[in-house]
């Protein structure tokens, strides 16, 4: 994603989380039952402005998946 310098990265990430959460909850009503207090996104985020290798990013995402995992929901999408 490219973000123009006139926008704060933190504001863009906040809006992405806010809007995506709202849209997903509208579409999938069970989400509020899965996550504590309906918070589906973690409070943090990862940003690289100079570039990192793909393996570093992959490890970060894998750790987030483990730390933020909610209930098993694969059956909900069938």
PDB file of N, CA and C in Angstrom:
ATOM      1  N   UNK A   1       0.841  -1.158   0.000  1.00  0.00           N
ATOM      2  CA  UNK A   1       0.000   0.000   0.000  1.00  0.00           C
ATOM      3  C   UNK A   1       0.891   1.227   0.000  1.00  0.00           C
ATOM      4  N   UNK A   2       0.539   2.205  -0.774  1.00  0.00           N
ATOM      5  CA  UNK A   2       1.250   3.473  -0.760  1.00  0.00           C
ATOM      6  C   UNK A   2       0.344   4.520  -0.122  1.00  0.00           C
ATOM      7  N   UNK A   3       0.890   5.236   0.832  1.00  0.00           N
ATOM      8  CA  UNK A   3       0.140   6.279   1.528  1.00  0.00           C
ATOM      9  C   UNK A   3       0.841   7.606   1.268  1.00  0.00           C
ATOM     10  N   UNK A   4       0.137   8.578   0.708  1.00  0.00           N
ATOM     11  CA  UNK A   4       0.776   9.880   0.465  1.00  0.00           C
ATOM     12  C   UNK A   4       1.277  10.494   1.766  1.00  0.00           C
ATOM     13  N   UNK A   5       2.371  11.226   1.710  1.00  0.00           N
ATOM     14  CA  UNK A   5       2.977  11.793   2.922  1.00  0.00           C
ATOM     15  C   UNK A   5       2.067  12.737   3.700  1.00  0.00           C
ATOM     16  N   UNK A   6       1.045  13.278   3.065  1.00  0.00           N
ATOM     17  CA  UNK A   6       0.164  14.200   3.785  1.00  0.00           C
ATOM     18  C   UNK A   6      -0.732  13.490   4.797  1.00  0.00           C
ATOM     19  N   UNK A   7      -0.791  12.136   4.745  1.00  0.00           N
ATOM     20  CA  UNK A   7      -1.610  11.365   5.685  1.00  0.00           C
ATOM     21  C   UNK A   7      -0.717  10.660   6.700  1.00  0.00           C
ATOM     22  N   UNK A   8      -1.119  10.691   7.947  1.00  0.00           N
ATOM     23  CA  UNK A   8      -0.398   9.952   8.991  1.00  0.00           C
ATOM     24  C   UNK A   8      -0.694   8.467   8.833  1.00  0.00           C
ATOM     25  N   UNK A   9       0.339   7.661   8.863  1.00  0.00           N
ATOM     26  CA  UNK A   9       0.159   6.215   8.701  1.00  0.00           C
ATOM     27  C   UNK A   9      -0.784   5.675   9.768  1.00  0.00           C
ATOM     28  N   UNK A  10      -0.631   6.144  10.991  1.00  0.00           N
ATOM     29  CA  UNK A  10      -1.484   5.655  12.079  1.00  0.00           C
ATOM     30  C   UNK A  10      -2.962   5.950  11.801  1.00  0.00           C
ATOM     31  N   UNK A  11      -3.262   7.092  11.210  1.00  0.00           N
ATOM     32  CA  UNK A  11      -4.653   7.441  10.887  1.00  0.00           C
ATOM     33  C   UNK A  11      -5.204   6.541   9.790  1.00  0.00           C
ATOM     34  N   UNK A  12      -4.389   6.245   8.802  1.00  0.00           N
ATOM     35  CA  UNK A  12      -4.823   5.373   7.710  1.00  0.00           C
ATOM     36  C   UNK A  12      -5.092   3.966   8.233  1.00  0.00           C
ATOM     37  N   UNK A  13      -4.190   3.453   9.057  1.00  0.00           N
ATOM     38  CA  UNK A  13      -4.377   2.118   9.622  1.00  0.00           C
ATOM     39  C   UNK A  13      -5.632   2.083  10.490  1.00  0.00           C
ATOM     40  N   UNK A  14      -5.832   3.110  11.295  1.00  0.00           N
ATOM     41  CA  UNK A  14      -7.023   3.166  12.139  1.00  0.00           C
ATOM     42  C   UNK A  14      -8.298   3.124  11.291  1.00  0.00           C
ATOM     43  N   UNK A  15      -8.329   3.897  10.216  1.00  0.00           N
ATOM     44  CA  UNK A  15      -9.504   3.915   9.338  1.00  0.00           C
ATOM     45  C   UNK A  15      -9.701   2.567   8.645  1.00  0.00           C
ATOM     46  N   UNK A  16      -8.614   1.951   8.192  1.00  0.00           N
ATOM     47  CA  UNK A  16      -8.729   0.638   7.555  1.00  0.00           C
ATOM     48  C   UNK A  16      -9.329  -0.387   8.503  1.00  0.00           C
ATOM     49  N   UNK A  17      -8.838  -0.395   9.741  1.00  0.00           N
ATOM     50  CA  UNK A  17      -9.368  -1.332  10.729  1.00  0.00           C
ATOM     51  C   UNK A  17     -10.825  -1.026  11.049  1.00  0.00           C
ATOM     52  N   UNK A  18     -11.138   0.251  11.203  1.00  0.00           N
ATOM     53  CA  UNK A  18     -12.499   0.660  11.546  1.00  0.00           C
ATOM     54  C   UNK A  18     -13.484   0.266  10.444  1.00  0.00           C
ATOM     55  N   UNK A  19     -13.186   0.631   9.215  1.00  0.00           N
ATOM     56  CA  UNK A  19     -14.113   0.358   8.113  1.00  0.00           C
ATOM     57  C   UNK A  19     -14.204  -1.130   7.787  1.00  0.00           C
ATOM     58  N   UNK A  20     -13.077  -1.822   7.810  1.00  0.00           N
ATOM     59  CA  UNK A  20     -13.122  -3.252   7.500  1.00  0.00           C
ATOM     60  C   UNK A  20     -13.874  -4.014   8.590  1.00  0.00           C
ATOM     61  N   UNK A  21     -13.675  -3.636   9.841  1.00  0.00           N
ATOM     62  CA  UNK A  21     -14.405  -4.266  10.942  1.00  0.00           C
ATOM     63  C   UNK A  21     -15.907  -4.050  10.785  1.00  0.00           C
ATOM     64  N   UNK A  22     -16.286  -2.838  10.481  1.00  0.00           N
ATOM     65  CA  UNK A  22     -17.712  -2.508  10.317  1.00  0.00           C
ATOM     66  C   UNK A  22     -18.332  -3.330   9.188  1.00  0.00           C
ATOM     67  N   UNK A  23     -17.648  -3.384   8.051  1.00  0.00           N
ATOM     68  CA  UNK A  23     -18.183  -4.109   6.902  1.00  0.00           C
ATOM     69  C   UNK A  23     -18.235  -5.616   7.144  1.00  0.00           C
ATOM     70  N   UNK A  24     -17.198  -6.165   7.767  1.00  0.00           N
ATOM     71  CA  UNK A  24     -17.200  -7.594   8.052  1.00  0.00           C
ATOM     72  C   UNK A  24     -18.289  -7.967   9.054  1.00  0.00           C
ATOM     73  N   UNK A  25     -18.497  -7.130  10.056  1.00  0.00           N
ATOM     74  CA  UNK A  25     -19.533  -7.408  11.056  1.00  0.00           C
ATOM     75  C   UNK A  25     -20.932  -7.321  10.453  1.00  0.00           C
ATOM     76  N   UNK A  26     -21.108  -6.425   9.484  1.00  0.00           N
ATOM     77  CA  UNK A  26     -22.404  -6.351   8.779  1.00  0.00           C
ATOM     78  C   UNK A  26     -22.645  -7.618   7.976  1.00  0.00           C
ATOM     79  N   UNK A  27     -21.606  -8.102   7.360  1.00  0.00           N
ATOM     80  CA  UNK A  27     -21.737  -9.262   6.479  1.00  0.00           C
ATOM     81  C   UNK A  27     -21.804 -10.576   7.248  1.00  0.00           C
ATOM     82  N   UNK A  28     -21.010 -10.682   8.316  1.00  0.00           N
ATOM     83  CA  UNK A  28     -20.933 -11.917   9.100  1.00  0.00           C
ATOM     84  C   UNK A  28     -21.331 -11.622  10.539  1.00  0.00           C
ATOM     85  N   UNK A  29     -22.589 -11.827  10.849  1.00  0.00           N
ATOM     86  CA  UNK A  29     -23.150 -11.467  12.154  1.00  0.00           C
ATOM     87  C   UNK A  29     -22.497 -12.215  13.320  1.00  0.00           C
ATOM     88  N   UNK A  30     -21.907 -13.377  13.060  1.00  0.00           N
ATOM     89  CA  UNK A  30     -21.326 -14.179  14.137  1.00  0.00           C
ATOM     90  C   UNK A  30     -20.007 -13.611  14.677  1.00  0.00           C
ATOM     91  N   UNK A  31     -19.440 -12.632  14.010  1.00  0.00           N
ATOM     92  CA  UNK A  31     -18.133 -12.105  14.435  1.00  0.00           C
ATOM     93  C   UNK A  31     -18.165 -11.570  15.864  1.00  0.00           C
ATOM     94  N   UNK A  32     -19.231 -10.895  16.249  1.00  0.00           N
ATOM     95  CA  UNK A  32     -19.319 -10.360  17.613  1.00  0.00           C
ATOM     96  C   UNK A  32     -19.291 -11.463  18.664  1.00  0.00           C
ATOM     97  N   UNK A  33     -19.709 -12.669  18.282  1.00  0.00           N
ATOM     98  CA  UNK A  33     -19.712 -13.783  19.228  1.00  0.00           C
ATOM     99  C   UNK A  33     -18.328 -14.422  19.343  1.00  0.00           C
ATOM    100  N   UNK A  34     -17.497 -14.204  18.361  1.00  0.00           N
ATOM    101  CA  UNK A  34     -16.196 -14.862  18.313  1.00  0.00           C
ATOM    102  C   UNK A  34     -15.140 -14.100  19.102  1.00  0.00           C
ATOM    103  N   UNK A  35     -15.140 -12.796  18.959  1.00  0.00           N
ATOM    104  CA  UNK A  35     -14.082 -11.985  19.557  1.00  0.00           C
ATOM    105  C   UNK A  35     -14.587 -11.252  20.788  1.00  0.00           C
ATOM    106  N   UNK A  36     -13.736 -11.235  21.804  1.00  0.00           N
ATOM    107  CA  UNK A  36     -14.065 -10.558  23.049  1.00  0.00           C
ATOM    108  C   UNK A  36     -14.389  -9.092  22.785  1.00  0.00           C
ATOM    109  N   UNK A  37     -15.521  -8.648  23.243  1.00  0.00           N
ATOM    110  CA  UNK A  37     -15.989  -7.267  23.073  1.00  0.00           C
ATOM    111  C   UNK A  37     -16.078  -6.865  21.603  1.00  0.00           C
ATOM    112  N   UNK A  38     -16.123  -7.846  20.714  1.00  0.00           N
ATOM    113  CA  UNK A  38     -16.247  -7.555  19.296  1.00  0.00           C
ATOM    114  C   UNK A  38     -15.001  -6.971  18.660  1.00  0.00           C
ATOM    115  N   UNK A  39     -13.879  -6.945  19.383  1.00  0.00           N
ATOM    116  CA  UNK A  39     -12.641  -6.376  18.843  1.00  0.00           C
ATOM    117  C   UNK A  39     -11.917  -7.419  18.006  1.00  0.00           C
ATOM    118  N   UNK A  40     -12.071  -7.327  16.697  1.00  0.00           N
ATOM    119  CA  UNK A  40     -11.483  -8.339  15.835  1.00  0.00           C
ATOM    120  C   UNK A  40     -10.054  -8.025  15.421  1.00  0.00           C
ATOM    121  N   UNK A  41      -9.611  -6.802  15.557  1.00  0.00           N
ATOM    122  CA  UNK A  41      -8.244  -6.439  15.195  1.00  0.00           C
ATOM    123  C   UNK A  41      -7.422  -6.179  16.454  1.00  0.00           C
ATOM    124  N   UNK A  42      -6.152  -6.543  16.405  1.00  0.00           N
ATOM    125  CA  UNK A  42      -5.277  -6.248  17.532  1.00  0.00           C
ATOM    126  C   UNK A  42      -5.012  -4.748  17.580  1.00  0.00           C
ATOM    127  N   UNK A  43      -4.526  -4.267  18.712  1.00  0.00           N
ATOM    128  CA  UNK A  43      -4.304  -2.831  18.854  1.00  0.00           C
ATOM    129  C   UNK A  43      -3.094  -2.343  18.076  1.00  0.00           C
ATOM    130  N   UNK A  44      -2.169  -3.213  17.799  1.00  0.00           N
ATOM    131  CA  UNK A  44      -0.955  -2.807  17.092  1.00  0.00           C
ATOM    132  C   UNK A  44      -1.040  -3.030  15.601  1.00  0.00           C
ATOM    133  N   UNK A  45       0.025  -2.630  14.910  1.00  0.00           N
ATOM    134  CA  UNK A  45       0.142  -2.876  13.482  1.00  0.00           C
ATOM    135  C   UNK A  45       1.605  -2.798  13.092  1.00  0.00           C
ATOM    136  N   UNK A  46       1.922  -3.334  11.936  1.00  0.00           N
ATOM    137  CA  UNK A  46       3.290  -3.339  11.441  1.00  0.00           C
ATOM    138  C   UNK A  46       3.382  -2.414  10.239  1.00  0.00           C
ATOM    139  N   UNK A  47       4.389  -1.556  10.229  1.00  0.00           N
ATOM    140  CA  UNK A  47       4.615  -0.654   9.112  1.00  0.00           C
ATOM    141  C   UNK A  47       6.104  -0.634   8.811  1.00  0.00           C
ATOM    142  N   UNK A  48       6.413  -0.680   7.548  1.00  0.00           N
ATOM    143  CA  UNK A  48       7.803  -0.529   7.131  1.00  0.00           C
ATOM    144  C   UNK A  48       7.852   0.554   6.068  1.00  0.00           C
ATOM    145  N   UNK A  49       8.621   1.582   6.329  1.00  0.00           N
ATOM    146  CA  UNK A  49       8.710   2.670   5.356  1.00  0.00           C
ATOM    147  C   UNK A  49       9.977   2.573   4.517  1.00  0.00           C
ATOM    148  N   UNK A  50      10.875   1.665   4.861  1.00  0.00           N
ATOM    149  CA  UNK A  50      12.109   1.513   4.096  1.00  0.00           C
ATOM    150  C   UNK A  50      12.199   0.162   3.425  1.00  0.00           C
ATOM    151  N   UNK A  51      11.276  -0.732   3.734  1.00  0.00           N
ATOM    152  CA  UNK A  51      11.245  -2.053   3.124  1.00  0.00           C
ATOM    153  C   UNK A  51      11.961  -3.099   3.952  1.00  0.00           C
ATOM    154  N   UNK A  52      11.340  -4.239   4.080  1.00  0.00           N
ATOM    155  CA  UNK A  52      11.925  -5.389   4.765  1.00  0.00           C
ATOM    156  C   UNK A  52      11.791  -6.590   3.844  1.00  0.00           C
ATOM    157  N   UNK A  53      12.527  -7.611   4.157  1.00  0.00           N
ATOM    158  CA  UNK A  53      12.395  -8.789   3.302  1.00  0.00           C
ATOM    159  C   UNK A  53      11.098  -9.525   3.618  1.00  0.00           C
ATOM    160  N   UNK A  54      10.675 -10.312   2.670  1.00  0.00           N
ATOM    161  CA  UNK A  54       9.389 -11.013   2.764  1.00  0.00           C
ATOM    162  C   UNK A  54       9.334 -11.970   3.951  1.00  0.00           C
ATOM    163  N   UNK A  55      10.429 -12.614   4.267  1.00  0.00           N
ATOM    164  CA  UNK A  55      10.452 -13.575   5.374  1.00  0.00           C
ATOM    165  C   UNK A  55      10.186 -12.892   6.716  1.00  0.00           C
ATOM    166  N   UNK A  56      10.711 -11.709   6.936  1.00  0.00           N
ATOM    167  CA  UNK A  56      10.469 -10.955   8.168  1.00  0.00           C
ATOM    168  C   UNK A  56       8.987 -10.630   8.306  1.00  0.00           C
ATOM    169  N   UNK A  57       8.378 -10.208   7.239  1.00  0.00           N
ATOM    170  CA  UNK A  57       6.953  -9.879   7.252  1.00  0.00           C
ATOM    171  C   UNK A  57       6.126 -11.136   7.499  1.00  0.00           C
ATOM    172  N   UNK A  58       6.480 -12.238   6.848  1.00  0.00           N
ATOM    173  CA  UNK A  58       5.757 -13.502   7.012  1.00  0.00           C
ATOM    174  C   UNK A  58       5.793 -13.959   8.475  1.00  0.00           C
ATOM    175  N   UNK A  59       6.975 -13.881   9.119  1.00  0.00           N
ATOM    176  CA  UNK A  59       7.095 -14.278  10.537  1.00  0.00           C
ATOM    177  C   UNK A  59       6.226 -13.395  11.422  1.00  0.00           C
ATOM    178  N   UNK A  60       6.203 -12.098  11.149  1.00  0.00           N
ATOM    179  CA  UNK A  60       5.377 -11.184  11.935  1.00  0.00           C
ATOM    180  C   UNK A  60       3.906 -11.578  11.829  1.00  0.00           C
ATOM    181  N   UNK A  61       3.441 -11.829  10.624  1.00  0.00           N
ATOM    182  CA  UNK A  61       2.031 -12.181  10.413  1.00  0.00           C
ATOM    183  C   UNK A  61       1.707 -13.503  11.086  1.00  0.00           C
ATOM    184  N   UNK A  62       2.584 -14.477  10.974  1.00  0.00           N
ATOM    185  CA  UNK A  62       2.345 -15.772  11.613  1.00  0.00           C
ATOM    186  C   UNK A  62       2.235 -15.638  13.123  1.00  0.00           C
ATOM    187  N   UNK A  63       3.092 -14.817  13.723  1.00  0.00           N
ATOM    188  CA  UNK A  63       3.010 -14.599  15.181  1.00  0.00           C
ATOM    189  C   UNK A  63       1.704 -13.900  15.543  1.00  0.00           C
ATOM    190  N   UNK A  64       1.264 -12.948  14.738  1.00  0.00           N
ATOM    191  CA  UNK A  64      -0.009 -12.268  15.001  1.00  0.00           C
ATOM    192  C   UNK A  64      -1.161 -13.258  14.935  1.00  0.00           C
ATOM    193  N   UNK A  65      -1.133 -14.153  13.965  1.00  0.00           N
ATOM    194  CA  UNK A  65      -2.198 -15.145  13.838  1.00  0.00           C
ATOM    195  C   UNK A  65      -2.303 -16.014  15.079  1.00  0.00           C
ATOM    196  N   UNK A  66      -1.176 -16.350  15.655  1.00  0.00           N
ATOM    197  CA  UNK A  66      -1.189 -17.171  16.868  1.00  0.00           C
ATOM    198  C   UNK A  66      -1.684 -16.359  18.058  1.00  0.00           C
ATOM    199  N   UNK A  67      -1.192 -15.147  18.207  1.00  0.00           N
ATOM    200  CA  UNK A  67      -1.532 -14.315  19.367  1.00  0.00           C
ATOM    201  C   UNK A  67      -2.976 -13.846  19.347  1.00  0.00           C
ATOM    202  N   UNK A  68      -3.507 -13.567  18.169  1.00  0.00           N
ATOM    203  CA  UNK A  68      -4.837 -12.954  18.061  1.00  0.00           C
ATOM    204  C   UNK A  68      -5.937 -13.929  17.692  1.00  0.00           C
ATOM    205  N   UNK A  69      -5.647 -15.204  17.678  1.00  0.00           N
ATOM    206  CA  UNK A  69      -6.617 -16.187  17.222  1.00  0.00           C
ATOM    207  C   UNK A  69      -7.856 -16.192  18.117  1.00  0.00           C
ATOM    208  N   UNK A  70      -8.998 -16.129  17.487  1.00  0.00           N
ATOM    209  CA  UNK A  70     -10.276 -16.225  18.200  1.00  0.00           C
ATOM    210  C   UNK A  70     -10.757 -17.655  18.144  1.00  0.00           C
ATOM    211  N   UNK A  71     -12.048 -17.873  18.181  1.00  0.00           N
ATOM    212  CA  UNK A  71     -12.623 -19.199  18.065  1.00  0.00           C
ATOM    213  C   UNK A  71     -12.425 -19.730  16.655  1.00  0.00           C
ATOM    214  N   UNK A  72     -12.518 -21.040  16.524  1.00  0.00           N
ATOM    215  CA  UNK A  72     -12.431 -21.663  15.214  1.00  0.00           C
ATOM    216  C   UNK A  72     -13.712 -21.330  14.440  1.00  0.00           C
ATOM    217  N   UNK A  73     -13.560 -20.754  13.258  1.00  0.00           N
ATOM    218  CA  UNK A  73     -14.739 -20.299  12.504  1.00  0.00           C
ATOM    219  C   UNK A  73     -14.796 -20.839  11.097  1.00  0.00           C
ATOM    220  N   UNK A  74     -13.928 -21.773  10.737  1.00  0.00           N
ATOM    221  CA  UNK A  74     -13.894 -22.237   9.354  1.00  0.00           C
ATOM    222  C   UNK A  74     -15.243 -22.755   8.895  1.00  0.00           C
ATOM    223  N   UNK A  75     -16.009 -23.339   9.784  1.00  0.00           N
ATOM    224  CA  UNK A  75     -17.335 -23.856   9.419  1.00  0.00           C
ATOM    225  C   UNK A  75     -18.321 -22.761   9.056  1.00  0.00           C
ATOM    226  N   UNK A  76     -18.104 -21.567   9.539  1.00  0.00           N
ATOM    227  CA  UNK A  76     -19.013 -20.455   9.281  1.00  0.00           C
ATOM    228  C   UNK A  76     -18.973 -20.004   7.818  1.00  0.00           C
ATOM    229  N   UNK A  77     -17.896 -20.306   7.114  1.00  0.00           N
ATOM    230  CA  UNK A  77     -17.756 -19.844   5.733  1.00  0.00           C
ATOM    231  C   UNK A  77     -18.158 -20.899   4.717  1.00  0.00           C
ATOM    232  N   UNK A  78     -18.594 -22.067   5.179  1.00  0.00           N
ATOM    233  CA  UNK A  78     -18.976 -23.153   4.268  1.00  0.00           C
ATOM    234  C   UNK A  78     -20.341 -22.899   3.678  1.00  0.00           C
TER     235      UNK A  78
END
